[in-house]
């Protein structure tokens, strides 16, 4: 599967470096419900700092996965929404989320068993 890919120019690594970042998938999933303002996104992901949310949004905009629209209000309000490319990411992301939900109990059991064996 990966045998024919150049390690120094690997599209999988290049994409996953951003998409697999801690907050990226959660930002994408939150925007999958529709456009959101910064404050709405921050409330949807309360554990993320404003700095990390800002950086994640910039990275996703740079990658073409979302668009940023500044509304000419006072003060200006900024709305983020998935681009067509970002929308296309929801299918594989949804499969990963479904898999994680299904596998999570077994993963937790495996961690407990591993930790017990490691401390014995």
PDB file of N, CA and C in Angstrom:
ATOM      1  N   UNK A   1       0.818  -1.196   0.000  1.00  0.00           N
ATOM      2  CA  UNK A   1       0.000   0.000   0.000  1.00  0.00           C
ATOM      3  C   UNK A   1       0.864   1.262   0.000  1.00  0.00           C
ATOM      4  N   UNK A   2       1.887   1.312   0.843  1.00  0.00           N
ATOM      5  CA  UNK A   2       2.741   2.486   0.931  1.00  0.00           C
ATOM      6  C   UNK A   2       4.095   2.274   0.283  1.00  0.00           C
ATOM      7  N   UNK A   3       4.339   1.095  -0.268  1.00  0.00           N
ATOM      8  CA  UNK A   3       5.651   0.754  -0.804  1.00  0.00           C
ATOM      9  C   UNK A   3       6.082   1.671  -1.936  1.00  0.00           C
ATOM     10  N   UNK A   4       5.143   2.167  -2.730  1.00  0.00           N
ATOM     11  CA  UNK A   4       5.506   2.994  -3.876  1.00  0.00           C
ATOM     12  C   UNK A   4       5.550   4.488  -3.560  1.00  0.00           C
ATOM     13  N   UNK A   5       5.413   4.874  -2.286  1.00  0.00           N
ATOM     14  CA  UNK A   5       5.410   6.289  -1.923  1.00  0.00           C
ATOM     15  C   UNK A   5       6.805   6.735  -1.503  1.00  0.00           C
ATOM     16  N   UNK A   6       7.168   7.923  -1.972  1.00  0.00           N
ATOM     17  CA  UNK A   6       8.429   8.545  -1.590  1.00  0.00           C
ATOM     18  C   UNK A   6       8.277   9.107  -0.171  1.00  0.00           C
ATOM     19  N   UNK A   7       9.106   8.640   0.737  1.00  0.00           N
ATOM     20  CA  UNK A   7       9.013   9.060   2.140  1.00  0.00           C
ATOM     21  C   UNK A   7       9.193  10.570   2.276  1.00  0.00           C
ATOM     22  N   UNK A   8      10.021  11.163   1.420  1.00  0.00           N
ATOM     23  CA  UNK A   8      10.292  12.600   1.506  1.00  0.00           C
ATOM     24  C   UNK A   8       9.209  13.454   0.851  1.00  0.00           C
ATOM     25  N   UNK A   9       8.335  12.844   0.071  1.00  0.00           N
ATOM     26  CA  UNK A   9       7.264  13.579  -0.605  1.00  0.00           C
ATOM     27  C   UNK A   9       5.976  12.767  -0.528  1.00  0.00           C
ATOM     28  N   UNK A  10       5.639  12.357   0.672  1.00  0.00           N
ATOM     29  CA  UNK A  10       4.506  11.460   0.879  1.00  0.00           C
ATOM     30  C   UNK A  10       3.222  12.258   1.118  1.00  0.00           C
ATOM     31  N   UNK A  11       2.236  12.123   0.245  1.00  0.00           N
ATOM     32  CA  UNK A  11       0.987  12.868   0.439  1.00  0.00           C
ATOM     33  C   UNK A  11       0.244  12.435   1.705  1.00  0.00           C
ATOM     34  N   UNK A  12       0.364  11.176   2.075  1.00  0.00           N
ATOM     35  CA  UNK A  12      -0.327  10.702   3.277  1.00  0.00           C
ATOM     36  C   UNK A  12       0.244  11.389   4.512  1.00  0.00           C
ATOM     37  N   UNK A  13       1.551  11.413   4.623  1.00  0.00           N
ATOM     38  CA  UNK A  13       2.179  12.110   5.763  1.00  0.00           C
ATOM     39  C   UNK A  13       1.829  13.586   5.766  1.00  0.00           C
ATOM     40  N   UNK A  14       1.910  14.204   4.595  1.00  0.00           N
ATOM     41  CA  UNK A  14       1.654  15.631   4.500  1.00  0.00           C
ATOM     42  C   UNK A  14       0.242  15.979   4.964  1.00  0.00           C
ATOM     43  N   UNK A  15      -0.740  15.206   4.540  1.00  0.00           N
ATOM     44  CA  UNK A  15      -2.126  15.472   4.927  1.00  0.00           C
ATOM     45  C   UNK A  15      -2.366  15.094   6.384  1.00  0.00           C
ATOM     46  N   UNK A  16      -1.906  13.918   6.792  1.00  0.00           N
ATOM     47  CA  UNK A  16      -2.165  13.462   8.160  1.00  0.00           C
ATOM     48  C   UNK A  16      -1.450  14.293   9.215  1.00  0.00           C
ATOM     49  N   UNK A  17      -0.331  14.912   8.860  1.00  0.00           N
ATOM     50  CA  UNK A  17       0.338  15.795   9.814  1.00  0.00           C
ATOM     51  C   UNK A  17      -0.616  16.873  10.314  1.00  0.00           C
ATOM     52  N   UNK A  18      -1.499  17.348   9.451  1.00  0.00           N
ATOM     53  CA  UNK A  18      -2.454  18.381   9.856  1.00  0.00           C
ATOM     54  C   UNK A  18      -3.771  17.789  10.321  1.00  0.00           C
ATOM     55  N   UNK A  19      -4.313  16.872   9.553  1.00  0.00           N
ATOM     56  CA  UNK A  19      -5.640  16.346   9.848  1.00  0.00           C
ATOM     57  C   UNK A  19      -5.646  15.520  11.132  1.00  0.00           C
ATOM     58  N   UNK A  20      -4.556  14.858  11.432  1.00  0.00           N
ATOM     59  CA  UNK A  20      -4.507  14.016  12.625  1.00  0.00           C
ATOM     60  C   UNK A  20      -4.062  14.774  13.870  1.00  0.00           C
ATOM     61  N   UNK A  21      -3.874  16.072  13.762  1.00  0.00           N
ATOM     62  CA  UNK A  21      -3.518  16.868  14.934  1.00  0.00           C
ATOM     63  C   UNK A  21      -4.644  16.773  15.964  1.00  0.00           C
ATOM     64  N   UNK A  22      -4.296  16.993  17.207  1.00  0.00           N
ATOM     65  CA  UNK A  22      -5.232  16.755  18.316  1.00  0.00           C
ATOM     66  C   UNK A  22      -6.607  17.394  18.114  1.00  0.00           C
ATOM     67  N   UNK A  23      -6.654  18.643  17.722  1.00  0.00           N
ATOM     68  CA  UNK A  23      -7.928  19.357  17.667  1.00  0.00           C
ATOM     69  C   UNK A  23      -8.553  19.401  16.286  1.00  0.00           C
ATOM     70  N   UNK A  24      -7.774  19.116  15.257  1.00  0.00           N
ATOM     71  CA  UNK A  24      -8.256  19.279  13.891  1.00  0.00           C
ATOM     72  C   UNK A  24      -9.512  18.473  13.604  1.00  0.00           C
ATOM     73  N   UNK A  25      -9.512  17.209  13.968  1.00  0.00           N
ATOM     74  CA  UNK A  25     -10.681  16.379  13.668  1.00  0.00           C
ATOM     75  C   UNK A  25     -11.915  16.881  14.410  1.00  0.00           C
ATOM     76  N   UNK A  26     -11.722  17.373  15.625  1.00  0.00           N
ATOM     77  CA  UNK A  26     -12.866  17.884  16.387  1.00  0.00           C
ATOM     78  C   UNK A  26     -13.391  19.186  15.787  1.00  0.00           C
ATOM     79  N   UNK A  27     -12.490  20.036  15.288  1.00  0.00           N
ATOM     80  CA  UNK A  27     -12.919  21.268  14.620  1.00  0.00           C
ATOM     81  C   UNK A  27     -13.697  20.924  13.358  1.00  0.00           C
ATOM     82  N   UNK A  28     -13.161  19.989  12.566  1.00  0.00           N
ATOM     83  CA  UNK A  28     -13.852  19.571  11.347  1.00  0.00           C
ATOM     84  C   UNK A  28     -15.225  18.993  11.662  1.00  0.00           C
ATOM     85  N   UNK A  29     -15.295  18.147  12.674  1.00  0.00           N
ATOM     86  CA  UNK A  29     -16.577  17.542  13.044  1.00  0.00           C
ATOM     87  C   UNK A  29     -17.569  18.610  13.500  1.00  0.00           C
ATOM     88  N   UNK A  30     -17.111  19.583  14.272  1.00  0.00           N
ATOM     89  CA  UNK A  30     -18.003  20.653  14.730  1.00  0.00           C
ATOM     90  C   UNK A  30     -18.525  21.457  13.549  1.00  0.00           C
ATOM     91  N   UNK A  31     -17.657  21.753  12.592  1.00  0.00           N
ATOM     92  CA  UNK A  31     -18.076  22.517  11.417  1.00  0.00           C
ATOM     93  C   UNK A  31     -18.908  21.678  10.454  1.00  0.00           C
ATOM     94  N   UNK A  32     -18.921  20.372  10.645  1.00  0.00           N
ATOM     95  CA  UNK A  32     -19.730  19.494   9.813  1.00  0.00           C
ATOM     96  C   UNK A  32     -21.216  19.728   9.990  1.00  0.00           C
ATOM     97  N   UNK A  33     -21.605  20.366  11.072  1.00  0.00           N
ATOM     98  CA  UNK A  33     -23.013  20.675  11.313  1.00  0.00           C
ATOM     99  C   UNK A  33     -23.447  21.964  10.627  1.00  0.00           C
ATOM    100  N   UNK A  34     -22.470  22.754  10.153  1.00  0.00           N
ATOM    101  CA  UNK A  34     -22.772  24.016   9.489  1.00  0.00           C
ATOM    102  C   UNK A  34     -21.823  25.105   9.930  1.00  0.00           C
ATOM    103  N   UNK A  35     -21.950  26.285   9.330  1.00  0.00           N
ATOM    104  CA  UNK A  35     -21.048  27.396   9.662  1.00  0.00           C
ATOM    105  C   UNK A  35     -21.176  27.794  11.129  1.00  0.00           C
ATOM    106  N   UNK A  36     -20.033  28.173  11.710  1.00  0.00           N
ATOM    107  CA  UNK A  36     -20.010  28.610  13.107  1.00  0.00           C
ATOM    108  C   UNK A  36     -19.086  29.808  13.259  1.00  0.00           C
ATOM    109  N   UNK A  37     -19.433  30.678  14.201  1.00  0.00           N
ATOM    110  CA  UNK A  37     -18.550  31.773  14.565  1.00  0.00           C
ATOM    111  C   UNK A  37     -17.510  31.248  15.549  1.00  0.00           C
ATOM    112  N   UNK A  38     -16.456  32.026  15.748  1.00  0.00           N
ATOM    113  CA  UNK A  38     -15.360  31.607  16.613  1.00  0.00           C
ATOM    114  C   UNK A  38     -15.868  31.240  18.007  1.00  0.00           C
ATOM    115  N   UNK A  39     -16.699  32.094  18.572  1.00  0.00           N
ATOM    116  CA  UNK A  39     -17.214  31.837  19.920  1.00  0.00           C
ATOM    117  C   UNK A  39     -18.045  30.568  19.992  1.00  0.00           C
ATOM    118  N   UNK A  40     -18.820  30.313  18.953  1.00  0.00           N
ATOM    119  CA  UNK A  40     -19.620  29.085  18.911  1.00  0.00           C
ATOM    120  C   UNK A  40     -18.720  27.857  18.840  1.00  0.00           C
ATOM    121  N   UNK A  41     -17.666  27.952  18.036  1.00  0.00           N
ATOM    122  CA  UNK A  41     -16.712  26.844  17.962  1.00  0.00           C
ATOM    123  C   UNK A  41     -16.038  26.624  19.310  1.00  0.00           C
ATOM    124  N   UNK A  42     -15.669  27.722  19.955  1.00  0.00           N
ATOM    125  CA  UNK A  42     -14.995  27.594  21.259  1.00  0.00           C
ATOM    126  C   UNK A  42     -15.926  26.970  22.296  1.00  0.00           C
ATOM    127  N   UNK A  43     -17.194  27.301  22.255  1.00  0.00           N
ATOM    128  CA  UNK A  43     -18.155  26.686  23.179  1.00  0.00           C
ATOM    129  C   UNK A  43     -18.381  25.210  22.840  1.00  0.00           C
ATOM    130  N   UNK A  44     -18.319  24.873  21.553  1.00  0.00           N
ATOM    131  CA  UNK A  44     -18.493  23.478  21.138  1.00  0.00           C
ATOM    132  C   UNK A  44     -17.299  22.613  21.546  1.00  0.00           C
ATOM    133  N   UNK A  45     -16.134  23.245  21.693  1.00  0.00           N
ATOM    134  CA  UNK A  45     -14.905  22.543  22.077  1.00  0.00           C
ATOM    135  C   UNK A  45     -14.308  23.244  23.294  1.00  0.00           C
ATOM    136  N   UNK A  46     -14.942  23.124  24.455  1.00  0.00           N
ATOM    137  CA  UNK A  46     -14.537  23.930  25.608  1.00  0.00           C
ATOM    138  C   UNK A  46     -13.132  23.640  26.133  1.00  0.00           C
ATOM    139  N   UNK A  47     -12.561  22.489  25.814  1.00  0.00           N
ATOM    140  CA  UNK A  47     -11.227  22.160  26.323  1.00  0.00           C
ATOM    141  C   UNK A  47     -10.103  22.809  25.534  1.00  0.00           C
ATOM    142  N   UNK A  48     -10.391  23.354  24.361  1.00  0.00           N
ATOM    143  CA  UNK A  48      -9.349  23.940  23.529  1.00  0.00           C
ATOM    144  C   UNK A  48      -9.131  25.398  23.932  1.00  0.00           C
ATOM    145  N   UNK A  49      -7.864  25.807  23.960  1.00  0.00           N
ATOM    146  CA  UNK A  49      -7.576  27.210  24.259  1.00  0.00           C
ATOM    147  C   UNK A  49      -7.887  28.046  23.020  1.00  0.00           C
ATOM    148  N   UNK A  50      -8.116  29.330  23.223  1.00  0.00           N
ATOM    149  CA  UNK A  50      -8.393  30.218  22.099  1.00  0.00           C
ATOM    150  C   UNK A  50      -7.205  30.250  21.146  1.00  0.00           C
ATOM    151  N   UNK A  51      -6.011  30.185  21.693  1.00  0.00           N
ATOM    152  CA  UNK A  51      -4.798  30.189  20.865  1.00  0.00           C
ATOM    153  C   UNK A  51      -4.744  28.964  19.971  1.00  0.00           C
ATOM    154  N   UNK A  52      -5.022  27.790  20.533  1.00  0.00           N
ATOM    155  CA  UNK A  52      -4.981  26.549  19.752  1.00  0.00           C
ATOM    156  C   UNK A  52      -6.117  26.496  18.731  1.00  0.00           C
ATOM    157  N   UNK A  53      -7.279  27.015  19.095  1.00  0.00           N
ATOM    158  CA  UNK A  53      -8.396  27.061  18.150  1.00  0.00           C
ATOM    159  C   UNK A  53      -8.043  27.965  16.974  1.00  0.00           C
ATOM    160  N   UNK A  54      -7.471  29.123  17.270  1.00  0.00           N
ATOM    161  CA  UNK A  54      -7.054  30.048  16.214  1.00  0.00           C
ATOM    162  C   UNK A  54      -6.047  29.384  15.293  1.00  0.00           C
ATOM    163  N   UNK A  55      -5.051  28.712  15.858  1.00  0.00           N
ATOM    164  CA  UNK A  55      -4.028  28.056  15.043  1.00  0.00           C
ATOM    165  C   UNK A  55      -4.635  26.932  14.206  1.00  0.00           C
ATOM    166  N   UNK A  56      -5.509  26.146  14.809  1.00  0.00           N
ATOM    167  CA  UNK A  56      -6.156  25.060  14.073  1.00  0.00           C
ATOM    168  C   UNK A  56      -6.991  25.584  12.915  1.00  0.00           C
ATOM    169  N   UNK A  57      -7.718  26.664  13.141  1.00  0.00           N
ATOM    170  CA  UNK A  57      -8.530  27.264  12.080  1.00  0.00           C
ATOM    171  C   UNK A  57      -7.648  27.801  10.955  1.00  0.00           C
ATOM    172  N   UNK A  58      -6.543  28.439  11.316  1.00  0.00           N
ATOM    173  CA  UNK A  58      -5.618  28.944  10.295  1.00  0.00           C
ATOM    174  C   UNK A  58      -5.041  27.805   9.461  1.00  0.00           C
ATOM    175  N   UNK A  59      -4.640  26.724  10.132  1.00  0.00           N
ATOM    176  CA  UNK A  59      -4.072  25.576   9.420  1.00  0.00           C
ATOM    177  C   UNK A  59      -5.097  24.965   8.463  1.00  0.00           C
ATOM    178  N   UNK A  60      -6.335  24.837   8.918  1.00  0.00           N
ATOM    179  CA  UNK A  60      -7.384  24.269   8.081  1.00  0.00           C
ATOM    180  C   UNK A  60      -7.730  25.189   6.908  1.00  0.00           C
ATOM    181  N   UNK A  61      -7.700  26.500   7.158  1.00  0.00           N
ATOM    182  CA  UNK A  61      -7.938  27.443   6.064  1.00  0.00           C
ATOM    183  C   UNK A  61      -6.792  27.374   5.060  1.00  0.00           C
ATOM    184  N   UNK A  62      -5.566  27.298   5.549  1.00  0.00           N
ATOM    185  CA  UNK A  62      -4.395  27.195   4.668  1.00  0.00           C
ATOM    186  C   UNK A  62      -4.463  25.936   3.807  1.00  0.00           C
ATOM    187  N   UNK A  63      -4.947  24.843   4.375  1.00  0.00           N
ATOM    188  CA  UNK A  63      -5.067  23.582   3.648  1.00  0.00           C
ATOM    189  C   UNK A  63      -6.289  23.548   2.732  1.00  0.00           C
ATOM    190  N   UNK A  64      -7.100  24.578   2.771  1.00  0.00           N
ATOM    191  CA  UNK A  64      -8.272  24.636   1.904  1.00  0.00           C
ATOM    192  C   UNK A  64      -9.457  23.841   2.398  1.00  0.00           C
ATOM    193  N   UNK A  65      -9.442  23.442   3.683  1.00  0.00           N
ATOM    194  CA  UNK A  65     -10.529  22.627   4.229  1.00  0.00           C
ATOM    195  C   UNK A  65     -11.666  23.462   4.797  1.00  0.00           C
ATOM    196  N   UNK A  66     -11.420  24.746   5.052  1.00  0.00           N
ATOM    197  CA  UNK A  66     -12.490  25.616   5.516  1.00  0.00           C
ATOM    198  C   UNK A  66     -12.316  27.001   4.930  1.00  0.00           C
ATOM    199  N   UNK A  67     -13.382  27.755   4.988  1.00  0.00           N
ATOM    200  CA  UNK A  67     -13.347  29.146   4.550  1.00  0.00           C
ATOM    201  C   UNK A  67     -13.680  30.032   5.735  1.00  0.00           C
ATOM    202  N   UNK A  68     -13.154  31.230   5.681  1.00  0.00           N
ATOM    203  CA  UNK A  68     -13.336  32.224   6.738  1.00  0.00           C
ATOM    204  C   UNK A  68     -14.023  33.425   6.109  1.00  0.00           C
ATOM    205  N   UNK A  69     -15.155  33.816   6.701  1.00  0.00           N
ATOM    206  CA  UNK A  69     -15.903  34.961   6.178  1.00  0.00           C
ATOM    207  C   UNK A  69     -16.046  36.000   7.281  1.00  0.00           C
ATOM    208  N   UNK A  70     -15.558  37.210   7.000  1.00  0.00           N
ATOM    209  CA  UNK A  70     -15.665  38.313   7.962  1.00  0.00           C
ATOM    210  C   UNK A  70     -16.906  39.119   7.609  1.00  0.00           C
ATOM    211  N   UNK A  71     -17.834  39.210   8.562  1.00  0.00           N
ATOM    212  CA  UNK A  71     -19.055  40.000   8.366  1.00  0.00           C
ATOM    213  C   UNK A  71     -18.777  41.450   8.770  1.00  0.00           C
ATOM    214  N   UNK A  72     -19.213  42.402   7.968  1.00  0.00           N
ATOM    215  CA  UNK A  72     -18.927  43.813   8.258  1.00  0.00           C
ATOM    216  C   UNK A  72     -19.840  44.380   9.343  1.00  0.00           C
ATOM    217  N   UNK A  73     -19.707  43.861  10.522  1.00  0.00           N
ATOM    218  CA  UNK A  73     -20.485  44.346  11.661  1.00  0.00           C
ATOM    219  C   UNK A  73     -19.536  45.037  12.625  1.00  0.00           C
ATOM    220  N   UNK A  74     -20.087  45.677  13.629  1.00  0.00           N
ATOM    221  CA  UNK A  74     -19.253  46.310  14.663  1.00  0.00           C
ATOM    222  C   UNK A  74     -19.574  45.659  15.984  1.00  0.00           C
ATOM    223  N   UNK A  75     -18.653  44.948  16.617  1.00  0.00           N
ATOM    224  CA  UNK A  75     -17.352  44.574  16.061  1.00  0.00           C
ATOM    225  C   UNK A  75     -17.522  43.522  14.970  1.00  0.00           C
ATOM    226  N   UNK A  76     -16.503  43.360  14.120  1.00  0.00           N
ATOM    227  CA  UNK A  76     -16.612  42.368  13.045  1.00  0.00           C
ATOM    228  C   UNK A  76     -16.821  40.971  13.612  1.00  0.00           C
ATOM    229  N   UNK A  77     -17.675  40.207  12.970  1.00  0.00           N
ATOM    230  CA  UNK A  77     -17.844  38.809  13.364  1.00  0.00           C
ATOM    231  C   UNK A  77     -17.284  37.945  12.242  1.00  0.00           C
ATOM    232  N   UNK A  78     -16.655  36.855  12.636  1.00  0.00           N
ATOM    233  CA  UNK A  78     -16.016  35.958  11.685  1.00  0.00           C
ATOM    234  C   UNK A  78     -16.720  34.615  11.756  1.00  0.00           C
ATOM    235  N   UNK A  79     -17.049  34.090  10.601  1.00  0.00           N
ATOM    236  CA  UNK A  79     -17.735  32.807  10.505  1.00  0.00           C
ATOM    237  C   UNK A  79     -16.862  31.843   9.708  1.00  0.00           C
ATOM    238  N   UNK A  80     -16.811  30.614  10.181  1.00  0.00           N
ATOM    239  CA  UNK A  80     -16.038  29.571   9.516  1.00  0.00           C
ATOM    240  C   UNK A  80     -16.991  28.505   9.009  1.00  0.00           C
ATOM    241  N   UNK A  81     -16.669  27.973   7.825  1.00  0.00           N
ATOM    242  CA  UNK A  81     -17.454  26.862   7.323  1.00  0.00           C
ATOM    243  C   UNK A  81     -16.563  25.967   6.469  1.00  0.00           C
ATOM    244  N   UNK A  82     -16.947  24.715   6.385  1.00  0.00           N
ATOM    245  CA  UNK A  82     -16.172  23.776   5.593  1.00  0.00           C
ATOM    246  C   UNK A  82     -16.266  24.129   4.119  1.00  0.00           C
ATOM    247  N   UNK A  83     -15.149  24.029   3.426  1.00  0.00           N
ATOM    248  CA  UNK A  83     -15.131  24.163   1.974  1.00  0.00           C
ATOM    249  C   UNK A  83     -15.616  22.844   1.377  1.00  0.00           C
ATOM    250  N   UNK A  84     -15.702  22.777   0.059  1.00  0.00           N
ATOM    251  CA  UNK A  84     -16.071  21.506  -0.586  1.00  0.00           C
ATOM    252  C   UNK A  84     -15.048  20.429  -0.239  1.00  0.00           C
ATOM    253  N   UNK A  85     -13.775  20.812  -0.191  1.00  0.00           N
ATOM    254  CA  UNK A  85     -12.730  19.851   0.181  1.00  0.00           C
ATOM    255  C   UNK A  85     -12.919  19.390   1.624  1.00  0.00           C
ATOM    256  N   UNK A  86     -13.242  20.323   2.508  1.00  0.00           N
ATOM    257  CA  UNK A  86     -13.503  19.971   3.903  1.00  0.00           C
ATOM    258  C   UNK A  86     -14.718  19.069   4.043  1.00  0.00           C
ATOM    259  N   UNK A  87     -15.759  19.353   3.268  1.00  0.00           N
ATOM    260  CA  UNK A  87     -16.956  18.500   3.289  1.00  0.00           C
ATOM    261  C   UNK A  87     -16.593  17.073   2.875  1.00  0.00           C
ATOM    262  N   UNK A  88     -15.707  16.949   1.884  1.00  0.00           N
ATOM    263  CA  UNK A  88     -15.317  15.612   1.421  1.00  0.00           C
ATOM    264  C   UNK A  88     -14.554  14.849   2.493  1.00  0.00           C
ATOM    265  N   UNK A  89     -13.975  15.558   3.442  1.00  0.00           N
ATOM    266  CA  UNK A  89     -13.247  14.915   4.540  1.00  0.00           C
ATOM    267  C   UNK A  89     -14.200  14.302   5.566  1.00  0.00           C
ATOM    268  N   UNK A  90     -15.451  14.739   5.580  1.00  0.00           N
ATOM    269  CA  UNK A  90     -16.403  14.246   6.573  1.00  0.00           C
ATOM    270  C   UNK A  90     -16.705  12.759   6.412  1.00  0.00           C
ATOM    271  N   UNK A  91     -16.648  12.235   5.200  1.00  0.00           N
ATOM    272  CA  UNK A  91     -16.937  10.810   4.989  1.00  0.00           C
ATOM    273  C   UNK A  91     -15.880   9.939   5.675  1.00  0.00           C
ATOM    274  N   UNK A  92     -14.578  10.100   5.353  1.00  0.00           N
ATOM    275  CA  UNK A  92     -13.588   9.277   6.060  1.00  0.00           C
ATOM    276  C   UNK A  92     -13.504   9.613   7.550  1.00  0.00           C
ATOM    277  N   UNK A  93     -13.713  10.883   7.895  1.00  0.00           N
ATOM    278  CA  UNK A  93     -13.686  11.267   9.304  1.00  0.00           C
ATOM    279  C   UNK A  93     -14.834  10.615  10.063  1.00  0.00           C
ATOM    280  N   UNK A  94     -16.001  10.561   9.440  1.00  0.00           N
ATOM    281  CA  UNK A  94     -17.156   9.902  10.071  1.00  0.00           C
ATOM    282  C   UNK A  94     -16.893   8.428  10.291  1.00  0.00           C
ATOM    283  N   UNK A  95     -16.240   7.792   9.325  1.00  0.00           N
ATOM    284  CA  UNK A  95     -15.890   6.372   9.485  1.00  0.00           C
ATOM    285  C   UNK A  95     -14.922   6.196  10.644  1.00  0.00           C
ATOM    286  N   UNK A  96     -13.956   7.094  10.777  1.00  0.00           N
ATOM    287  CA  UNK A  96     -12.999   7.014  11.882  1.00  0.00           C
ATOM    288  C   UNK A  96     -13.696   7.241  13.222  1.00  0.00           C
ATOM    289  N   UNK A  97     -14.595   8.191  13.270  1.00  0.00           N
ATOM    290  CA  UNK A  97     -15.338   8.464  14.508  1.00  0.00           C
ATOM    291  C   UNK A  97     -16.191   7.257  14.886  1.00  0.00           C
ATOM    292  N   UNK A  98     -16.874   6.674  13.914  1.00  0.00           N
ATOM    293  CA  UNK A  98     -17.679   5.476  14.186  1.00  0.00           C
ATOM    294  C   UNK A  98     -16.809   4.333  14.688  1.00  0.00           C
ATOM    295  N   UNK A  99     -15.643   4.145  14.043  1.00  0.00           N
ATOM    296  CA  UNK A  99     -14.733   3.080  14.469  1.00  0.00           C
ATOM    297  C   UNK A  99     -14.264   3.335  15.890  1.00  0.00           C
ATOM    298  N   UNK A 100     -13.907   4.574  16.204  1.00  0.00           N
ATOM    299  CA  UNK A 100     -13.422   4.904  17.550  1.00  0.00           C
ATOM    300  C   UNK A 100     -14.487   4.628  18.608  1.00  0.00           C
ATOM    301  N   UNK A 101     -15.724   4.987  18.315  1.00  0.00           N
ATOM    302  CA  UNK A 101     -16.815   4.713  19.262  1.00  0.00           C
ATOM    303  C   UNK A 101     -16.977   3.216  19.497  1.00  0.00           C
ATOM    304  N   UNK A 102     -16.902   2.460  18.413  1.00  0.00           N
ATOM    305  CA  UNK A 102     -17.073   1.006  18.517  1.00  0.00           C
ATOM    306  C   UNK A 102     -15.889   0.349  19.226  1.00  0.00           C
ATOM    307  N   UNK A 103     -14.689   0.777  18.915  1.00  0.00           N
ATOM    308  CA  UNK A 103     -13.483   0.125  19.434  1.00  0.00           C
ATOM    309  C   UNK A 103     -13.056   0.635  20.806  1.00  0.00           C
ATOM    310  N   UNK A 104     -13.560   1.777  21.232  1.00  0.00           N
ATOM    311  CA  UNK A 104     -13.091   2.396  22.471  1.00  0.00           C
ATOM    312  C   UNK A 104     -13.149   1.476  23.696  1.00  0.00           C
ATOM    313  N   UNK A 105     -14.232   0.757  23.940  1.00  0.00           N
ATOM    314  CA  UNK A 105     -14.225  -0.134  25.109  1.00  0.00           C
ATOM    315  C   UNK A 105     -13.101  -1.177  25.058  1.00  0.00           C
ATOM    316  N   UNK A 106     -12.847  -1.736  23.890  1.00  0.00           N
ATOM    317  CA  UNK A 106     -11.777  -2.738  23.770  1.00  0.00           C
ATOM    318  C   UNK A 106     -10.406  -2.098  23.926  1.00  0.00           C
ATOM    319  N   UNK A 107     -10.258  -0.899  23.449  1.00  0.00           N
ATOM    320  CA  UNK A 107      -8.983  -0.192  23.612  1.00  0.00           C
ATOM    321  C   UNK A 107      -8.729   0.105  25.075  1.00  0.00           C
ATOM    322  N   UNK A 108      -9.770   0.543  25.782  1.00  0.00           N
ATOM    323  CA  UNK A 108      -9.611   0.814  27.224  1.00  0.00           C
ATOM    324  C   UNK A 108      -9.263  -0.456  27.986  1.00  0.00           C
ATOM    325  N   UNK A 109      -9.918  -1.570  27.635  1.00  0.00           N
ATOM    326  CA  UNK A 109      -9.597  -2.852  28.265  1.00  0.00           C
ATOM    327  C   UNK A 109      -8.149  -3.243  27.988  1.00  0.00           C
ATOM    328  N   UNK A 110      -7.702  -3.057  26.764  1.00  0.00           N
ATOM    329  CA  UNK A 110      -6.322  -3.392  26.406  1.00  0.00           C
ATOM    330  C   UNK A 110      -5.335  -2.535  27.193  1.00  0.00           C
ATOM    331  N   UNK A 111      -5.634  -1.284  27.388  1.00  0.00           N
ATOM    332  CA  UNK A 111      -4.754  -0.398  28.167  1.00  0.00           C
ATOM    333  C   UNK A 111      -4.660  -0.858  29.617  1.00  0.00           C
ATOM    334  N   UNK A 112      -5.814  -1.203  30.179  1.00  0.00           N
ATOM    335  CA  UNK A 112      -5.825  -1.686  31.571  1.00  0.00           C
ATOM    336  C   UNK A 112      -4.984  -2.952  31.695  1.00  0.00           C
ATOM    337  N   UNK A 113      -5.174  -3.878  30.763  1.00  0.00           N
ATOM    338  CA  UNK A 113      -4.417  -5.135  30.799  1.00  0.00           C
ATOM    339  C   UNK A 113      -2.920  -4.863  30.617  1.00  0.00           C
ATOM    340  N   UNK A 114      -2.568  -3.991  29.710  1.00  0.00           N
ATOM    341  CA  UNK A 114      -1.162  -3.665  29.461  1.00  0.00           C
ATOM    342  C   UNK A 114      -0.547  -3.030  30.702  1.00  0.00           C
ATOM    343  N   UNK A 115      -1.242  -2.044  31.278  1.00  0.00           N
ATOM    344  CA  UNK A 115      -0.728  -1.351  32.468  1.00  0.00           C
ATOM    345  C   UNK A 115      -0.559  -2.315  33.639  1.00  0.00           C
ATOM    346  N   UNK A 116      -1.510  -3.253  33.801  1.00  0.00           N
ATOM    347  CA  UNK A 116      -1.418  -4.233  34.877  1.00  0.00           C
ATOM    348  C   UNK A 116      -0.205  -5.139  34.663  1.00  0.00           C
ATOM    349  N   UNK A 117       0.013  -5.579  33.436  1.00  0.00           N
ATOM    350  CA  UNK A 117       1.152  -6.438  33.136  1.00  0.00           C
ATOM    351  C   UNK A 117       2.473  -5.686  33.286  1.00  0.00           C
ATOM    352  N   UNK A 118       2.479  -4.426  32.897  1.00  0.00           N
ATOM    353  CA  UNK A 118       3.711  -3.630  32.971  1.00  0.00           C
ATOM    354  C   UNK A 118       4.094  -3.328  34.409  1.00  0.00           C
ATOM    355  N   UNK A 119       3.102  -3.211  35.282  1.00  0.00           N
ATOM    356  CA  UNK A 119       3.417  -2.880  36.682  1.00  0.00           C
ATOM    357  C   UNK A 119       3.627  -4.127  37.538  1.00  0.00           C
ATOM    358  N   UNK A 120       3.415  -5.304  36.963  1.00  0.00           N
ATOM    359  CA  UNK A 120       3.587  -6.557  37.729  1.00  0.00           C
ATOM    360  C   UNK A 120       5.042  -6.963  37.802  1.00  0.00           C
TER     361      UNK A 120
END
